[in-house]
Amino acid sequence: MCHSKFPQMICKPLAAKLLSSDVIALFEFEDTENGVSIVSEKHYRLVNPEELSQDELLTYRNRPI
């Protein structure tokens, strides 16, 4: 669907899964000759904004995508 609607764009299929009440996993997939496979999996802990320091926020803000 992505390729048909946005042929000039690089499509990156993503999925999210809740692992526990405060941890999520994000998955990136790619279509290979053997079928769809996971390219990357990252886990994130969800926190309240007040739990992060200003240094941590700056680090996240300046991190490359």
PDB file of N, CA and C in Angstrom:
ATOM      1  N   MET A   1       0.820  -1.183   0.000  1.00  0.00           N
ATOM      2  CA  MET A   1       0.000   0.000   0.000  1.00  0.00           C
ATOM      3  C   MET A   1       0.874   1.262   0.000  1.00  0.00           C
ATOM      4  N   CYS A   2       1.905   1.280   0.823  1.00  0.00           N
ATOM      5  CA  CYS A   2       2.778   2.453   0.895  1.00  0.00           C
ATOM      6  C   CYS A   2       3.382   2.761  -0.472  1.00  0.00           C
ATOM      7  N   HIS A   3       3.907   1.746  -1.137  1.00  0.00           N
ATOM      8  CA  HIS A   3       4.550   1.964  -2.438  1.00  0.00           C
ATOM      9  C   HIS A   3       3.563   2.485  -3.471  1.00  0.00           C
ATOM     10  N   SER A   4       2.318   2.022  -3.429  1.00  0.00           N
ATOM     11  CA  SER A   4       1.347   2.474  -4.424  1.00  0.00           C
ATOM     12  C   SER A   4       0.892   3.909  -4.158  1.00  0.00           C
ATOM     13  N   LYS A   5       0.785   4.304  -2.893  1.00  0.00           N
ATOM     14  CA  LYS A   5       0.346   5.665  -2.559  1.00  0.00           C
ATOM     15  C   LYS A   5       1.491   6.675  -2.590  1.00  0.00           C
ATOM     16  N   PHE A   6       2.689   6.242  -2.218  1.00  0.00           N
ATOM     17  CA  PHE A   6       3.844   7.134  -2.109  1.00  0.00           C
ATOM     18  C   PHE A   6       5.054   6.524  -2.810  1.00  0.00           C
ATOM     19  N   PRO A   7       5.045   6.452  -4.121  1.00  0.00           N
ATOM     20  CA  PRO A   7       6.118   5.747  -4.843  1.00  0.00           C
ATOM     21  C   PRO A   7       7.498   6.379  -4.677  1.00  0.00           C
ATOM     22  N   GLN A   8       7.583   7.666  -4.359  1.00  0.00           N
ATOM     23  CA  GLN A   8       8.876   8.342  -4.195  1.00  0.00           C
ATOM     24  C   GLN A   8       9.456   8.159  -2.796  1.00  0.00           C
ATOM     25  N   MET A   9       8.669   7.650  -1.853  1.00  0.00           N
ATOM     26  CA  MET A   9       9.085   7.541  -0.457  1.00  0.00           C
ATOM     27  C   MET A   9       9.704   6.170  -0.173  1.00  0.00           C
ATOM     28  N   ILE A  10      10.524   6.120   0.861  1.00  0.00           N
ATOM     29  CA  ILE A  10      11.045   4.849   1.365  1.00  0.00           C
ATOM     30  C   ILE A  10      10.082   4.368   2.448  1.00  0.00           C
ATOM     31  N   CYS A  11       9.438   3.260   2.209  1.00  0.00           N
ATOM     32  CA  CYS A  11       8.434   2.741   3.144  1.00  0.00           C
ATOM     33  C   CYS A  11       9.103   1.889   4.209  1.00  0.00           C
ATOM     34  N   LYS A  12       8.735   2.144   5.462  1.00  0.00           N
ATOM     35  CA  LYS A  12       9.279   1.379   6.580  1.00  0.00           C
ATOM     36  C   LYS A  12       8.113   0.869   7.416  1.00  0.00           C
ATOM     37  N   PRO A  13       7.716  -0.384   7.201  1.00  0.00           N
ATOM     38  CA  PRO A  13       6.626  -0.945   7.994  1.00  0.00           C
ATOM     39  C   PRO A  13       7.050  -1.083   9.454  1.00  0.00           C
ATOM     40  N   LEU A  14       6.202  -0.603  10.354  1.00  0.00           N
ATOM     41  CA  LEU A  14       6.486  -0.620  11.789  1.00  0.00           C
ATOM     42  C   LEU A  14       5.348  -1.290  12.539  1.00  0.00           C
ATOM     43  N   ALA A  15       5.677  -1.782  13.722  1.00  0.00           N
ATOM     44  CA  ALA A  15       4.667  -2.330  14.626  1.00  0.00           C
ATOM     45  C   ALA A  15       5.099  -2.046  16.051  1.00  0.00           C
ATOM     46  N   ALA A  16       4.120  -1.960  16.940  1.00  0.00           N
ATOM     47  CA  ALA A  16       4.397  -1.756  18.361  1.00  0.00           C
ATOM     48  C   ALA A  16       3.671  -2.832  19.150  1.00  0.00           C
ATOM     49  N   LYS A  17       4.311  -3.268  20.234  1.00  0.00           N
ATOM     50  CA  LYS A  17       3.710  -4.284  21.098  1.00  0.00           C
ATOM     51  C   LYS A  17       3.945  -3.876  22.542  1.00  0.00           C
ATOM     52  N   LEU A  18       2.894  -3.887  23.332  1.00  0.00           N
ATOM     53  CA  LEU A  18       2.999  -3.597  24.755  1.00  0.00           C
ATOM     54  C   LEU A  18       3.506  -4.859  25.451  1.00  0.00           C
ATOM     55  N   LEU A  19       4.679  -4.781  26.088  1.00  0.00           N
ATOM     56  CA  LEU A  19       5.272  -5.942  26.748  1.00  0.00           C
ATOM     57  C   LEU A  19       4.864  -6.033  28.217  1.00  0.00           C
ATOM     58  N   SER A  20       4.701  -4.876  28.833  1.00  0.00           N
ATOM     59  CA  SER A  20       4.198  -4.798  30.213  1.00  0.00           C
ATOM     60  C   SER A  20       3.538  -3.435  30.345  1.00  0.00           C
ATOM     61  N   SER A  21       3.105  -3.094  31.545  1.00  0.00           N
ATOM     62  CA  SER A  21       2.377  -1.838  31.704  1.00  0.00           C
ATOM     63  C   SER A  21       3.226  -0.609  31.401  1.00  0.00           C
ATOM     64  N   ASP A  22       4.564  -0.741  31.433  1.00  0.00           N
ATOM     65  CA  ASP A  22       5.409   0.425  31.174  1.00  0.00           C
ATOM     66  C   ASP A  22       6.529   0.165  30.171  1.00  0.00           C
ATOM     67  N   VAL A  23       6.450  -0.924  29.411  1.00  0.00           N
ATOM     68  CA  VAL A  23       7.484  -1.237  28.413  1.00  0.00           C
ATOM     69  C   VAL A  23       6.806  -1.576  27.086  1.00  0.00           C
ATOM     70  N   ILE A  24       7.286  -0.914  26.021  1.00  0.00           N
ATOM     71  CA  ILE A  24       6.798  -1.228  24.681  1.00  0.00           C
ATOM     72  C   ILE A  24       7.973  -1.670  23.812  1.00  0.00           C
ATOM     73  N   ALA A  25       7.660  -2.469  22.819  1.00  0.00           N
ATOM     74  CA  ALA A  25       8.650  -2.883  21.819  1.00  0.00           C
ATOM     75  C   ALA A  25       8.213  -2.303  20.483  1.00  0.00           C
ATOM     76  N   LEU A  26       9.165  -1.718  19.761  1.00  0.00           N
ATOM     77  CA  LEU A  26       8.909  -1.218  18.414  1.00  0.00           C
ATOM     78  C   LEU A  26       9.707  -2.077  17.432  1.00  0.00           C
ATOM     79  N   PHE A  27       9.038  -2.506  16.379  1.00  0.00           N
ATOM     80  CA  PHE A  27       9.638  -3.380  15.373  1.00  0.00           C
ATOM     81  C   PHE A  27       9.622  -2.677  14.021  1.00  0.00           C
ATOM     82  N   GLU A  28      10.709  -2.848  13.266  1.00  0.00           N
ATOM     83  CA  GLU A  28      10.757  -2.399  11.872  1.00  0.00           C
ATOM     84  C   GLU A  28      10.930  -3.645  11.011  1.00  0.00           C
ATOM     85  N   PHE A  29      10.161  -3.727   9.938  1.00  0.00           N
ATOM     86  CA  PHE A  29      10.167  -4.894   9.067  1.00  0.00           C
ATOM     87  C   PHE A  29      10.680  -4.533   7.681  1.00  0.00           C
ATOM     88  N   GLU A  30      11.098  -5.572   6.940  1.00  0.00           N
ATOM     89  CA  GLU A  30      11.406  -5.382   5.523  1.00  0.00           C
ATOM     90  C   GLU A  30      10.973  -6.628   4.770  1.00  0.00           C
ATOM     91  N   ASP A  31      10.629  -6.415   3.520  1.00  0.00           N
ATOM     92  CA  ASP A  31      10.204  -7.508   2.656  1.00  0.00           C
ATOM     93  C   ASP A  31      11.433  -8.050   1.949  1.00  0.00           C
ATOM     94  N   THR A  32      11.734  -9.314   2.193  1.00  0.00           N
ATOM     95  CA  THR A  32      12.889  -9.953   1.562  1.00  0.00           C
ATOM     96  C   THR A  32      12.405 -11.045   0.617  1.00  0.00           C
ATOM     97  N   GLU A  33      13.337 -11.651  -0.081  1.00  0.00           N
ATOM     98  CA  GLU A  33      12.946 -12.741  -0.995  1.00  0.00           C
ATOM     99  C   GLU A  33      12.425 -13.957  -0.229  1.00  0.00           C
ATOM    100  N   ASN A  34      12.728 -14.041   1.078  1.00  0.00           N
ATOM    101  CA  ASN A  34      12.227 -15.133   1.913  1.00  0.00           C
ATOM    102  C   ASN A  34      10.964 -14.751   2.686  1.00  0.00           C
ATOM    103  N   GLY A  35      10.425 -13.573   2.403  1.00  0.00           N
ATOM    104  CA  GLY A  35       9.231 -13.102   3.106  1.00  0.00           C
ATOM    105  C   GLY A  35       9.566 -11.905   3.983  1.00  0.00           C
ATOM    106  N   VAL A  36       8.631 -11.540   4.813  1.00  0.00           N
ATOM    107  CA  VAL A  36       8.804 -10.384   5.690  1.00  0.00           C
ATOM    108  C   VAL A  36       9.650 -10.793   6.896  1.00  0.00           C
ATOM    109  N   SER A  37      10.623  -9.933   7.260  1.00  0.00           N
ATOM    110  CA  SER A  37      11.455 -10.226   8.423  1.00  0.00           C
ATOM    111  C   SER A  37      11.656  -8.959   9.247  1.00  0.00           C
ATOM    112  N   ILE A  38      12.006  -9.145  10.500  1.00  0.00           N
ATOM    113  CA  ILE A  38      12.253  -8.035  11.408  1.00  0.00           C
ATOM    114  C   ILE A  38      13.659  -7.502  11.160  1.00  0.00           C
ATOM    115  N   VAL A  39      13.758  -6.189  10.918  1.00  0.00           N
ATOM    116  CA  VAL A  39      15.046  -5.540  10.703  1.00  0.00           C
ATOM    117  C   VAL A  39      15.607  -5.064  12.039  1.00  0.00           C
ATOM    118  N   SER A  40      14.731  -4.495  12.866  1.00  0.00           N
ATOM    119  CA  SER A  40      15.186  -4.023  14.172  1.00  0.00           C
ATOM    120  C   SER A  40      14.061  -4.142  15.190  1.00  0.00           C
ATOM    121  N   GLU A  41      14.470  -4.300  16.433  1.00  0.00           N
ATOM    122  CA  GLU A  41      13.546  -4.370  17.558  1.00  0.00           C
ATOM    123  C   GLU A  41      14.162  -3.540  18.675  1.00  0.00           C
ATOM    124  N   LYS A  42      13.387  -2.573  19.181  1.00  0.00           N
ATOM    125  CA  LYS A  42      13.864  -1.725  20.270  1.00  0.00           C
ATOM    126  C   LYS A  42      12.812  -1.698  21.372  1.00  0.00           C
ATOM    127  N   HIS A  43      13.290  -1.711  22.608  1.00  0.00           N
ATOM    128  CA  HIS A  43      12.389  -1.673  23.759  1.00  0.00           C
ATOM    129  C   HIS A  43      12.520  -0.330  24.461  1.00  0.00           C
ATOM    130  N   TYR A  44      11.380   0.196  24.882  1.00  0.00           N
ATOM    131  CA  TYR A  44      11.345   1.495  25.553  1.00  0.00           C
ATOM    132  C   TYR A  44      10.519   1.394  26.829  1.00  0.00           C
ATOM    133  N   ARG A  45      11.015   2.020  27.873  1.00  0.00           N
ATOM    134  CA  ARG A  45      10.259   2.105  29.127  1.00  0.00           C
ATOM    135  C   ARG A  45       9.547   3.433  29.139  1.00  0.00           C
ATOM    136  N   LEU A  46       8.252   3.400  29.371  1.00  0.00           N
ATOM    137  CA  LEU A  46       7.452   4.612  29.421  1.00  0.00           C
ATOM    138  C   LEU A  46       7.572   5.231  30.805  1.00  0.00           C
ATOM    139  N   VAL A  47       7.841   6.524  30.846  1.00  0.00           N
ATOM    140  CA  VAL A  47       7.995   7.227  32.118  1.00  0.00           C
ATOM    141  C   VAL A  47       7.173   8.505  32.088  1.00  0.00           C
ATOM    142  N   ASN A  48       6.881   9.026  33.266  1.00  0.00           N
ATOM    143  CA  ASN A  48       6.237  10.326  33.370  1.00  0.00           C
ATOM    144  C   ASN A  48       7.259  11.396  33.014  1.00  0.00           C
ATOM    145  N   PRO A  49       6.830  12.486  32.385  1.00  0.00           N
ATOM    146  CA  PRO A  49       7.779  13.535  31.977  1.00  0.00           C
ATOM    147  C   PRO A  49       8.623  14.062  33.134  1.00  0.00           C
ATOM    148  N   GLU A  50       8.053  14.143  34.312  1.00  0.00           N
ATOM    149  CA  GLU A  50       8.811  14.686  35.446  1.00  0.00           C
ATOM    150  C   GLU A  50       9.920  13.742  35.931  1.00  0.00           C
ATOM    151  N   GLU A  51       9.940  12.517  35.429  1.00  0.00           N
ATOM    152  CA  GLU A  51      11.010  11.579  35.793  1.00  0.00           C
ATOM    153  C   GLU A  51      12.282  11.794  34.967  1.00  0.00           C
ATOM    154  N   LEU A  52      12.209  12.610  33.917  1.00  0.00           N
ATOM    155  CA  LEU A  52      13.361  12.850  33.054  1.00  0.00           C
ATOM    156  C   LEU A  52      14.038  14.163  33.429  1.00  0.00           C
ATOM    157  N   SER A  53      15.364  14.132  33.432  1.00  0.00           N
ATOM    158  CA  SER A  53      16.123  15.358  33.698  1.00  0.00           C
ATOM    159  C   SER A  53      16.212  16.184  32.416  1.00  0.00           C
ATOM    160  N   GLN A  54      16.593  17.436  32.536  1.00  0.00           N
ATOM    161  CA  GLN A  54      16.784  18.294  31.372  1.00  0.00           C
ATOM    162  C   GLN A  54      17.891  17.747  30.472  1.00  0.00           C
ATOM    163  N   ASP A  55      18.935  17.175  31.073  1.00  0.00           N
ATOM    164  CA  ASP A  55      20.022  16.573  30.280  1.00  0.00           C
ATOM    165  C   ASP A  55      19.514  15.398  29.449  1.00  0.00           C
ATOM    166  N   GLU A  56      18.673  14.561  30.049  1.00  0.00           N
ATOM    167  CA  GLU A  56      18.113  13.429  29.309  1.00  0.00           C
ATOM    168  C   GLU A  56      17.240  13.909  28.155  1.00  0.00           C
ATOM    169  N   LEU A  57      16.425  14.919  28.399  1.00  0.00           N
ATOM    170  CA  LEU A  57      15.580  15.459  27.333  1.00  0.00           C
ATOM    171  C   LEU A  57      16.417  16.017  26.188  1.00  0.00           C
ATOM    172  N   LEU A  58      17.495  16.717  26.498  1.00  0.00           N
ATOM    173  CA  LEU A  58      18.383  17.240  25.460  1.00  0.00           C
ATOM    174  C   LEU A  58      19.045  16.120  24.679  1.00  0.00           C
ATOM    175  N   THR A  59      19.458  15.073  25.372  1.00  0.00           N
ATOM    176  CA  THR A  59      20.078  13.925  24.716  1.00  0.00           C
ATOM    177  C   THR A  59      19.102  13.288  23.720  1.00  0.00           C
ATOM    178  N   TYR A  60      17.857  13.068  24.147  1.00  0.00           N
ATOM    179  CA  TYR A  60      16.841  12.470  23.264  1.00  0.00           C
ATOM    180  C   TYR A  60      16.534  13.404  22.086  1.00  0.00           C
ATOM    181  N   ARG A  61      16.455  14.682  22.352  1.00  0.00           N
ATOM    182  CA  ARG A  61      16.110  15.647  21.321  1.00  0.00           C
ATOM    183  C   ARG A  61      17.196  15.717  20.254  1.00  0.00           C
ATOM    184  N   ASN A  62      18.464  15.576  20.650  1.00  0.00           N
ATOM    185  CA  ASN A  62      19.579  15.709  19.716  1.00  0.00           C
ATOM    186  C   ASN A  62      20.047  14.397  19.103  1.00  0.00           C
ATOM    187  N   ARG A  63      19.432  13.291  19.477  1.00  0.00           N
ATOM    188  CA  ARG A  63      19.837  11.983  18.956  1.00  0.00           C
ATOM    189  C   ARG A  63      19.405  11.835  17.510  1.00  0.00           C
ATOM    190  N   PRO A  64      20.287  11.326  16.642  1.00  0.00           N
ATOM    191  CA  PRO A  64      19.886  11.134  15.242  1.00  0.00           C
ATOM    192  C   PRO A  64      18.794  10.076  15.142  1.00  0.00           C
ATOM    193  N   ILE A  65      17.980  10.220  14.133  1.00  0.00           N
ATOM    194  CA  ILE A  65      16.845   9.284  13.940  1.00  0.00           C
ATOM    195  C   ILE A  65      17.325   8.002  13.326  1.00  0.00           C
TER     196      ILE A  65
END
